[in-house]
C-alpha atoms as a PDB file:
ATOM      1  CA  MET A   1     -49.532  20.273 -52.955  1.00  0.00           C
ATOM      2  CA  ARG A   2     -49.695  23.961 -53.281  1.00  0.00           C
ATOM      3  CA  ARG A   3     -50.481  26.299 -50.297  1.00  0.00           C
ATOM      4  CA  LEU A   4     -53.013  29.022 -50.698  1.00  0.00           C
ATOM      5  CA  ARG A   5     -53.966  31.599 -48.318  1.00  0.00           C
ATOM      6  CA  LEU A   6     -57.751  31.788 -48.703  1.00  0.00           C
ATOM      7  CA  PRO A   7     -60.105  34.673 -48.160  1.00  0.00           C
ATOM      8  CA  ALA A   8     -62.265  34.388 -45.290  1.00  0.00           C
ATOM      9  CA  ALA A   9     -65.614  33.152 -46.038  1.00  0.00           C
ATOM     10  CA  ALA A  10     -67.214  32.680 -42.724  1.00  0.00           C
ATOM     11  CA  PHE A  11     -65.903  33.415 -39.241  1.00  0.00           C
ATOM     12  CA  LEU A  12     -66.100  31.630 -36.160  1.00  0.00           C
ATOM     13  CA  SER A  13     -66.694  33.344 -32.703  1.00  0.00           C
ATOM     14  CA  PHE A  14     -64.741  32.466 -29.935  1.00  0.00           C
ATOM     15  CA  SER A  15     -66.785  31.294 -26.865  1.00  0.00           C
ATOM     16  CA  ALA A  16     -64.291  29.217 -24.689  1.00  0.00           C
ATOM     17  CA  LEU A  17     -61.062  27.504 -24.759  1.00  0.00           C
ATOM     18  CA  VAL A  18     -60.567  24.390 -23.176  1.00  0.00           C
ATOM     19  CA  LEU A  19     -57.054  23.186 -23.102  1.00  0.00           C
ATOM     20  CA  ALA A  20     -55.430  20.678 -20.827  1.00  0.00           C
ATOM     21  CA  GLY A  21     -51.597  20.465 -20.648  1.00  0.00           C
ATOM     22  CA  CYS A  22     -49.844  18.498 -23.278  1.00  0.00           C
ATOM     23  CA  SER A  23     -46.534  18.131 -24.325  1.00  0.00           C
ATOM     24  CA  GLY A  24     -45.180  15.927 -26.911  1.00  0.00           C
ATOM     25  CA  ALA A  25     -34.995  19.528 -31.822  1.00  0.00           C
ATOM     26  CA  GLY A  26     -20.507  18.259 -41.266  1.00  0.00           C
ATOM     27  CA  SER A  27     -17.603  17.789 -40.740  1.00  0.00           C
ATOM     28  CA  GLY A  28     -15.499  15.244 -42.496  1.00  0.00           C
ATOM     29  CA  ALA A  29     -12.607  13.102 -41.438  1.00  0.00           C
ATOM     30  CA  ASP A  30      -9.363  13.518 -43.166  1.00  0.00           C
ATOM     31  CA  ILE A  31      -7.725  10.116 -44.161  1.00  0.00           C
ATOM     32  CA  GLY A  32      -4.032  10.053 -44.819  1.00  0.00           C
ATOM     33  CA  ALA A  33      -1.992   6.965 -45.919  1.00  0.00           C
ATOM     34  CA  GLY A  34       1.624   6.640 -46.985  1.00  0.00           C
ATOM     35  CA  ALA A  35       2.875   4.382 -49.539  1.00  0.00           C
ATOM     36  CA  ALA A  36       3.942   0.677 -48.290  1.00  0.00           C
ATOM     37  CA  ARG A  37       7.543   0.234 -48.338  1.00  0.00           C
ATOM     38  CA  SER A  38      10.249  -2.309 -47.815  1.00  0.00           C
ATOM     39  CA  LYS A  39      14.005  -2.293 -47.384  1.00  0.00           C
ATOM     40  CA  SER A  40      16.152  -3.649 -50.129  1.00  0.00           C
ATOM     41  CA  PRO A  41      18.907  -5.908 -48.662  1.00  0.00           C
ATOM     42  CA  ALA A  42      22.650  -4.946 -49.341  1.00  0.00           C
ATOM     43  CA  PRO A  43      24.035  -5.881 -52.655  1.00  0.00           C
ATOM     44  CA  ALA A  44      26.250  -8.837 -52.957  1.00  0.00           C
ATOM     45  CA  SER A  45      28.693  -7.168 -55.517  1.00  0.00           C
ATOM     46  CA  PRO A  46      30.515  -3.918 -54.344  1.00  0.00           C
ATOM     47  CA  SER A  47      30.107  -2.907 -57.885  1.00  0.00           C
ATOM     48  CA  ALA A  48      26.456  -2.761 -58.034  1.00  0.00           C
ATOM     49  CA  SER A  49      24.818   0.734 -57.097  1.00  0.00           C
ATOM     50  CA  ALA A  50      22.290   0.599 -54.504  1.00  0.00           C
ATOM     51  CA  SER A  51      20.429   3.353 -52.519  1.00  0.00           C
ATOM     52  CA  PRO A  52      20.307   3.139 -48.715  1.00  0.00           C
ATOM     53  CA  SER A  53      16.991   4.315 -48.684  1.00  0.00           C
ATOM     54  CA  ALA A  54      13.625   2.488 -48.857  1.00  0.00           C
ATOM     55  CA  SER A  55      12.246   1.515 -52.162  1.00  0.00           C
ATOM     56  CA  PRO A  56       8.628   1.314 -53.342  1.00  0.00           C
ATOM     57  CA  SER A  57       6.875  -2.088 -52.903  1.00  0.00           C
ATOM     58  CA  SER A  58       6.905  -4.585 -55.791  1.00  0.00           C
ATOM     59  CA  SER A  59       3.213  -3.751 -56.456  1.00  0.00           C
ATOM     60  CA  GLY A  60       4.351  -0.353 -57.967  1.00  0.00           C
ATOM     61  CA  ALA A  61       1.148   1.223 -56.432  1.00  0.00           C
ATOM     62  CA  SER A  62       1.621   4.888 -55.029  1.00  0.00           C
ATOM     63  CA  GLY A  63      -0.597   4.041 -51.947  1.00  0.00           C
ATOM     64  CA  VAL A  64      -2.195   7.566 -52.148  1.00  0.00           C
ATOM     65  CA  ILE A  65      -5.966   7.661 -51.451  1.00  0.00           C
ATOM     66  CA  PRO A  66      -7.704  10.121 -53.763  1.00  0.00           C
ATOM     67  CA  SER A  67      -9.638  12.564 -51.860  1.00  0.00           C
ATOM     68  CA  ALA A  68     -13.612  12.367 -51.659  1.00  0.00           C
ATOM     69  CA  ALA A  69     -15.622  14.703 -54.065  1.00  0.00           C
ATOM     70  CA  PRO A  70     -16.605  17.732 -51.769  1.00  0.00           C
ATOM     71  CA  ALA A  71     -20.376  17.471 -50.494  1.00  0.00           C
ATOM     72  CA  LEU A  72     -22.938  20.095 -50.988  1.00  0.00           C
ATOM     73  CA  PRO A  73     -22.787  22.791 -48.363  1.00  0.00           C
ATOM     74  CA  CYS A  74     -25.275  22.485 -45.549  1.00  0.00           C
ATOM     75  CA  THR A  75     -26.218  24.380 -42.303  1.00  0.00           C
ATOM     76  CA  SER A  76     -25.872  22.936 -38.966  1.00  0.00           C
ATOM     77  CA  THR A  77     -28.837  23.786 -36.530  1.00  0.00           C
ATOM     78  CA  LYS A  78     -27.214  22.268 -33.643  1.00  0.00           C
ATOM     79  CA  GLY A  79     -27.131  24.514 -30.599  1.00  0.00           C
ATOM     80  CA  LEU A  80     -29.677  27.226 -32.368  1.00  0.00           C
ATOM     81  CA  ASP A  81     -32.110  28.860 -30.037  1.00  0.00           C
ATOM     82  CA  ALA A  82     -35.876  28.764 -30.786  1.00  0.00           C
ATOM     83  CA  PRO A  83     -35.651  32.362 -32.513  1.00  0.00           C
ATOM     84  CA  ALA A  84     -32.895  31.522 -34.610  1.00  0.00           C
ATOM     85  CA  LEU A  85     -34.158  27.893 -35.666  1.00  0.00           C
ATOM     86  CA  THR A  86     -37.193  29.740 -36.587  1.00  0.00           C
ATOM     87  CA  ASP A  87     -35.688  32.282 -38.710  1.00  0.00           C
ATOM     88  CA  TYR A  88     -33.632  29.242 -40.297  1.00  0.00           C
ATOM     89  CA  LEU A  89     -36.761  27.295 -41.074  1.00  0.00           C
ATOM     90  CA  LYS A  90     -38.822  30.079 -42.386  1.00  0.00           C
ATOM     91  CA  GLY A  91     -35.811  31.512 -44.591  1.00  0.00           C
ATOM     92  CA  LEU A  92     -35.483  28.097 -46.541  1.00  0.00           C
ATOM     93  CA  LYS A  93     -36.292  28.568 -50.332  1.00  0.00           C
ATOM     94  CA  SER A  94     -38.759  26.389 -52.121  1.00  0.00           C
ATOM     95  CA  SER A  95     -37.365  24.265 -55.014  1.00  0.00           C
ATOM     96  CA  ASP A  96     -40.998  24.784 -56.629  1.00  0.00           C
ATOM     97  CA  ARG A  97     -41.127  28.684 -56.450  1.00  0.00           C
ATOM     98  CA  THR A  98     -38.385  30.826 -55.184  1.00  0.00           C
ATOM     99  CA  ASP A  99     -40.974  32.973 -53.352  1.00  0.00           C
ATOM    100  CA  SER A 100     -42.275  30.314 -51.507  1.00  0.00           C
ATOM    101  CA  ARG A 101     -41.200  28.703 -48.337  1.00  0.00           C
ATOM    102  CA  ALA A 102     -39.603  25.404 -48.351  1.00  0.00           C
ATOM    103  CA  LEU A 103     -41.024  23.877 -45.263  1.00  0.00           C
ATOM    104  CA  PHE A 104     -44.834  24.119 -45.100  1.00  0.00           C
ATOM    105  CA  MET A 105     -47.990  22.479 -43.657  1.00  0.00           C
ATOM    106  CA  VAL A 106     -51.134  21.443 -45.601  1.00  0.00           C
ATOM    107  CA  ASP A 107     -54.215  19.381 -44.686  1.00  0.00           C
ATOM    108  CA  ASP A 108     -52.251  16.051 -44.694  1.00  0.00           C
ATOM    109  CA  GLY A 109     -49.018  16.971 -43.150  1.00  0.00           C
ATOM    110  CA  VAL A 110     -45.726  18.787 -43.280  1.00  0.00           C
ATOM    111  CA  TYR A 111     -43.523  18.796 -46.330  1.00  0.00           C
ATOM    112  CA  LEU A 112     -40.077  19.991 -47.140  1.00  0.00           C
ATOM    113  CA  ARG A 113     -39.339  21.055 -50.927  1.00  0.00           C
ATOM    114  CA  LEU A 114     -35.917  22.736 -50.764  1.00  0.00           C
ATOM    115  CA  VAL A 115     -33.299  23.838 -53.157  1.00  0.00           C
ATOM    116  CA  LYS A 116     -30.418  21.767 -53.263  1.00  0.00           C
ATOM    117  CA  THR A 117     -27.919  24.273 -51.848  1.00  0.00           C
ATOM    118  CA  GLN A 118     -29.553  24.794 -48.532  1.00  0.00           C
ATOM    119  CA  PRO A 119     -30.086  21.567 -46.758  1.00  0.00           C
ATOM    120  CA  PRO A 120     -29.642  21.393 -43.056  1.00  0.00           C
ATOM    121  CA  CYS A 121     -26.561  19.087 -41.999  1.00  0.00           C
ATOM    122  CA  GLU A 122     -28.812  16.930 -39.721  1.00  0.00           C
ATOM    123  CA  PRO A 123     -32.589  16.233 -39.166  1.00  0.00           C
ATOM    124  CA  VAL A 124     -34.243  19.318 -37.408  1.00  0.00           C
ATOM    125  CA  PRO A 125     -36.512  18.591 -34.576  1.00  0.00           C
ATOM    126  CA  VAL A 126     -39.981  20.420 -35.009  1.00  0.00           C
ATOM    127  CA  LYS A 127     -43.136  20.174 -32.876  1.00  0.00           C
ATOM    128  CA  LEU A 128     -46.847  19.476 -33.969  1.00  0.00           C
ATOM    129  CA  GLY A 129     -49.830  20.277 -31.827  1.00  0.00           C
ATOM    130  CA  PHE A 130     -53.162  18.954 -32.842  1.00  0.00           C
ATOM    131  CA  PHE A 131     -56.310  20.151 -31.406  1.00  0.00           C
ATOM    132  CA  ARG A 132     -60.105  19.473 -31.801  1.00  0.00           C
ATOM    133  CA  VAL A 133     -62.267  22.021 -32.483  1.00  0.00           C
ATOM    134  CA  ASP A 134     -65.978  21.553 -31.379  1.00  0.00           C
ATOM    135  CA  MET A 135     -68.181  23.755 -33.413  1.00  0.00           C
ATOM    136  CA  THR A 136     -71.834  24.941 -32.616  1.00  0.00           C
ATOM    137  CA  ARG A 137     -73.898  27.528 -34.105  1.00  0.00           C
ATOM    138  CA  SER A 138     -73.676  30.639 -32.256  1.00  0.00           C
ATOM    139  CA  THR A 139     -76.824  32.073 -30.839  1.00  0.00           C
ATOM    140  CA  ASP A 140     -75.755  35.685 -30.787  1.00  0.00           C
ATOM    141  CA  SER A 141     -74.130  36.162 -34.057  1.00  0.00           C
ATOM    142  CA  ALA A 142     -74.104  34.715 -37.680  1.00  0.00           C
ATOM    143  CA  GLY A 143     -70.792  32.726 -36.770  1.00  0.00           C
ATOM    144  CA  TYR A 144     -69.994  29.597 -34.668  1.00  0.00           C
ATOM    145  CA  ALA A 145     -68.930  29.098 -31.022  1.00  0.00           C
ATOM    146  CA  PHE A 146     -66.265  26.716 -30.464  1.00  0.00           C
ATOM    147  CA  THR A 147     -63.856  25.033 -27.832  1.00  0.00           C
ATOM    148  CA  TYR A 148     -60.486  23.492 -28.162  1.00  0.00           C
ATOM    149  CA  ALA A 149     -59.532  20.249 -26.820  1.00  0.00           C
ATOM    150  CA  PRO A 150     -55.938  18.850 -26.912  1.00  0.00           C
ATOM    151  CA  ILE A 151     -55.362  15.705 -29.184  1.00  0.00           C
ATOM    152  CA  ARG A 152     -51.553  15.292 -28.989  1.00  0.00           C
ATOM    153  CA  THR A 153     -48.314  16.717 -29.404  1.00  0.00           C
ATOM    154  CA  THR A 154     -45.503  15.056 -30.949  1.00  0.00           C
ATOM    155  CA  THR A 155     -41.984  15.911 -32.334  1.00  0.00           C
ATOM    156  CA  VAL A 156     -40.857  15.028 -36.012  1.00  0.00           C
ATOM    157  CA  SER A 157     -37.675  15.223 -37.827  1.00  0.00           C
ATOM    158  CA  VAL A 158     -37.569  17.701 -40.598  1.00  0.00           C
ATOM    159  CA  GLY A 159     -34.925  17.107 -43.508  1.00  0.00           C
ATOM    160  CA  PRO A 160     -32.141  16.577 -44.614  1.00  0.00           C
ATOM    161  CA  SER A 161     -33.981  14.849 -47.501  1.00  0.00           C
ATOM    162  CA  ASP A 162     -37.054  16.348 -49.233  1.00  0.00           C
ATOM    163  CA  GLY A 163     -40.603  15.019 -49.129  1.00  0.00           C
ATOM    164  CA  LYS A 164     -43.411  14.456 -46.742  1.00  0.00           C
ATOM    165  CA  VAL A 165     -42.352  14.429 -43.033  1.00  0.00           C
ATOM    166  CA  ASP A 166     -43.006  11.152 -41.343  1.00  0.00           C
ATOM    167  CA  GLY A 167     -45.412  11.291 -38.462  1.00  0.00           C
ATOM    168  CA  SER A 168     -47.030  14.634 -39.483  1.00  0.00           C
ATOM    169  CA  LEU A 169     -50.371  13.344 -40.572  1.00  0.00           C
ATOM    170  CA  PRO A 170     -53.057  15.449 -38.436  1.00  0.00           C
ATOM    171  CA  PRO A 171     -56.174  13.176 -37.281  1.00  0.00           C
ATOM    172  CA  ALA A 172     -59.341  13.465 -39.273  1.00  0.00           C
ATOM    173  CA  PRO A 173     -62.198  15.762 -38.198  1.00  0.00           C
ATOM    174  CA  SER A 174     -65.252  13.939 -36.986  1.00  0.00           C
ATOM    175  CA  GLY A 175     -68.750  14.927 -36.269  1.00  0.00           C
ATOM    176  CA  CYS A 176     -68.938  18.651 -35.352  1.00  0.00           C
ATOM    177  CA  GLY A 177     -65.096  18.775 -34.436  1.00  0.00           C
ATOM    178  CA  GLY A 178     -62.650  19.945 -36.637  1.00  0.00           C
ATOM    179  CA  VAL A 179     -58.808  19.944 -36.396  1.00  0.00           C
ATOM    180  CA  LEU A 180     -56.376  22.668 -35.896  1.00  0.00           C
ATOM    181  CA  SER A 181     -52.848  21.584 -36.716  1.00  0.00           C
ATOM    182  CA  VAL A 182     -49.914  23.728 -35.682  1.00  0.00           C
ATOM    183  CA  SER A 183     -46.242  23.240 -36.403  1.00  0.00           C
ATOM    184  CA  TYR A 184     -43.739  25.131 -34.129  1.00  0.00           C
ATOM    185  CA  VAL A 185     -40.529  25.160 -32.276  1.00  0.00           C
ATOM    186  CA  GLY A 186     -39.705  26.457 -28.759  1.00  0.00           C
ATOM    187  CA  ARG A 187     -41.826  26.075 -25.684  1.00  0.00           C
ATOM    188  CA  ASP A 188     -45.060  23.932 -26.080  1.00  0.00           C
ATOM    189  CA  LEU A 189     -48.444  25.701 -26.929  1.00  0.00           C
ATOM    190  CA  VAL A 190     -50.595  26.916 -24.172  1.00  0.00           C
ATOM    191  CA  GLN A 191     -54.197  28.285 -24.066  1.00  0.00           C
ATOM    192  CA  SER A 192     -53.387  31.781 -24.863  1.00  0.00           C
ATOM    193  CA  ASP A 193     -51.364  30.746 -28.039  1.00  0.00           C
ATOM    194  CA  LEU A 194     -54.495  29.592 -29.741  1.00  0.00           C
ATOM    195  CA  PRO A 195     -56.330  31.913 -32.138  1.00  0.00           C
ATOM    196  CA  HIS A 196     -59.514  33.564 -30.728  1.00  0.00           C
ATOM    197  CA  SER A 197     -61.314  33.381 -34.297  1.00  0.00           C
ATOM    198  CA  LEU A 198     -61.233  30.795 -36.903  1.00  0.00           C
ATOM    199  CA  ARG A 199     -62.567  31.051 -40.491  1.00  0.00           C
ATOM    200  CA  LEU A 200     -64.010  28.332 -42.853  1.00  0.00           C
ATOM    201  CA  PRO A 201     -63.131  27.638 -46.278  1.00  0.00           C
ATOM    202  CA  GLY A 202     -64.993  29.867 -48.887  1.00  0.00           C
ATOM    203  CA  LYS A 203     -68.137  28.351 -50.513  1.00  0.00           C
ATOM    204  CA  ASP A 204     -66.366  28.270 -53.802  1.00  0.00           C
ATOM    205  CA  SER A 205     -63.066  27.044 -52.780  1.00  0.00           C
ATOM    206  CA  THR A 206     -61.776  23.492 -54.218  1.00  0.00           C
ATOM    207  CA  LEU A 207     -59.885  23.162 -50.777  1.00  0.00           C
ATOM    208  CA  ASP A 208     -61.681  21.929 -47.538  1.00  0.00           C
ATOM    209  CA  TRP A 209     -59.171  23.657 -45.265  1.00  0.00           C
ATOM    210  CA  VAL A 210     -57.693  27.030 -44.521  1.00  0.00           C
ATOM    211  CA  LEU A 211     -54.236  28.357 -43.308  1.00  0.00           C
ATOM    212  CA  ILE A 212     -54.524  30.046 -39.941  1.00  0.00           C
ATOM    213  CA  ASP A 213     -52.494  32.629 -38.345  1.00  0.00           C
ATOM    214  CA  VAL A 214     -51.040  31.904 -34.841  1.00  0.00           C
ATOM    215  CA  GLU A 215     -49.679  35.011 -33.322  1.00  0.00           C
ATOM    216  CA  ARG A 216     -46.772  33.184 -31.189  1.00  0.00           C
ATOM    217  CA  ASP A 217     -43.119  33.319 -31.386  1.00  0.00           C
ATOM    218  CA  GLY A 218     -41.842  29.907 -33.020  1.00  0.00           C
ATOM    219  CA  VAL A 219     -44.983  29.028 -34.769  1.00  0.00           C
ATOM    220  CA  LEU A 220     -44.084  27.792 -38.502  1.00  0.00           C
ATOM    221  CA  ASP A 221     -47.627  27.090 -39.802  1.00  0.00           C
ATOM    222  CA  ALA A 222     -51.123  26.437 -38.906  1.00  0.00           C
ATOM    223  CA  VAL A 223     -54.125  24.687 -40.584  1.00  0.00           C
ATOM    224  CA  PHE A 224     -57.559  24.408 -39.807  1.00  0.00           C
ATOM    225  CA  LYS A 225     -59.905  21.539 -41.193  1.00  0.00           C
ATOM    226  CA  PRO A 226     -63.490  21.736 -40.242  1.00  0.00           C
ATOM    227  CA  PRO A 227     -65.635  18.850 -40.188  1.00  0.00           C
ATOM    228  CA  PRO A 228     -67.379  17.997 -43.451  1.00  0.00           C
ATOM    229  CA  GLY A 229     -70.820  18.935 -42.031  1.00  0.00           C
ATOM    230  CA  ALA A 230     -69.619  21.959 -40.322  1.00  0.00           C
ATOM    231  CA  ARG A 231     -72.431  24.341 -41.746  1.00  0.00           C
ATOM    232  CA  ASP A 232     -75.266  21.846 -40.264  1.00  0.00           C
ATOM    233  CA  CYS A 233     -73.527  21.984 -36.954  1.00  0.00           C
END
């Protein structure tokens, strides 16, 4: 599913924000083994030559365990603070297009499509915040007035494997309420973090959602999906 930054077709004016508090994240082991050995009894005849040292077991096996093939390189994210983790996640390169990010959000959730040389060594915790956006026609402008109401905050595990991230499906819009979905790391979102303006998909767009810029450190992506009948609200 391709991410597109769409031009603004209609802007929503901010009237009020209603936000209650809401809250919802190789080393290998070396294995060594010696050959099994048994001691030979002293020879009965003094003319027979014998070594006092231990001889290999009758099976003839060397007992050496071959080394495992080296694993692909990975990056451990344990102990990274929010700024460093943000930089790491935003820097992951897509296996689809080298100029695109590997970790991205669209209208049906969060996806990871990563080049094979850059996996994290362990699943990375990423927070998702979902907010209902109640929309009404603004009486003093051509746009909309809207209010936010928190739906839920959750934490999902990203990687190391590619694909859609489990638990990242946003709730569906309903009535005159759209849904703003935000992926981020670090502290939970607060009222002042949410955008003061939103935009609707263009009339000629094949998509019914838009990417939104949320100006807060740690935010990875944000998607706004208005209700199907937004223009009648």
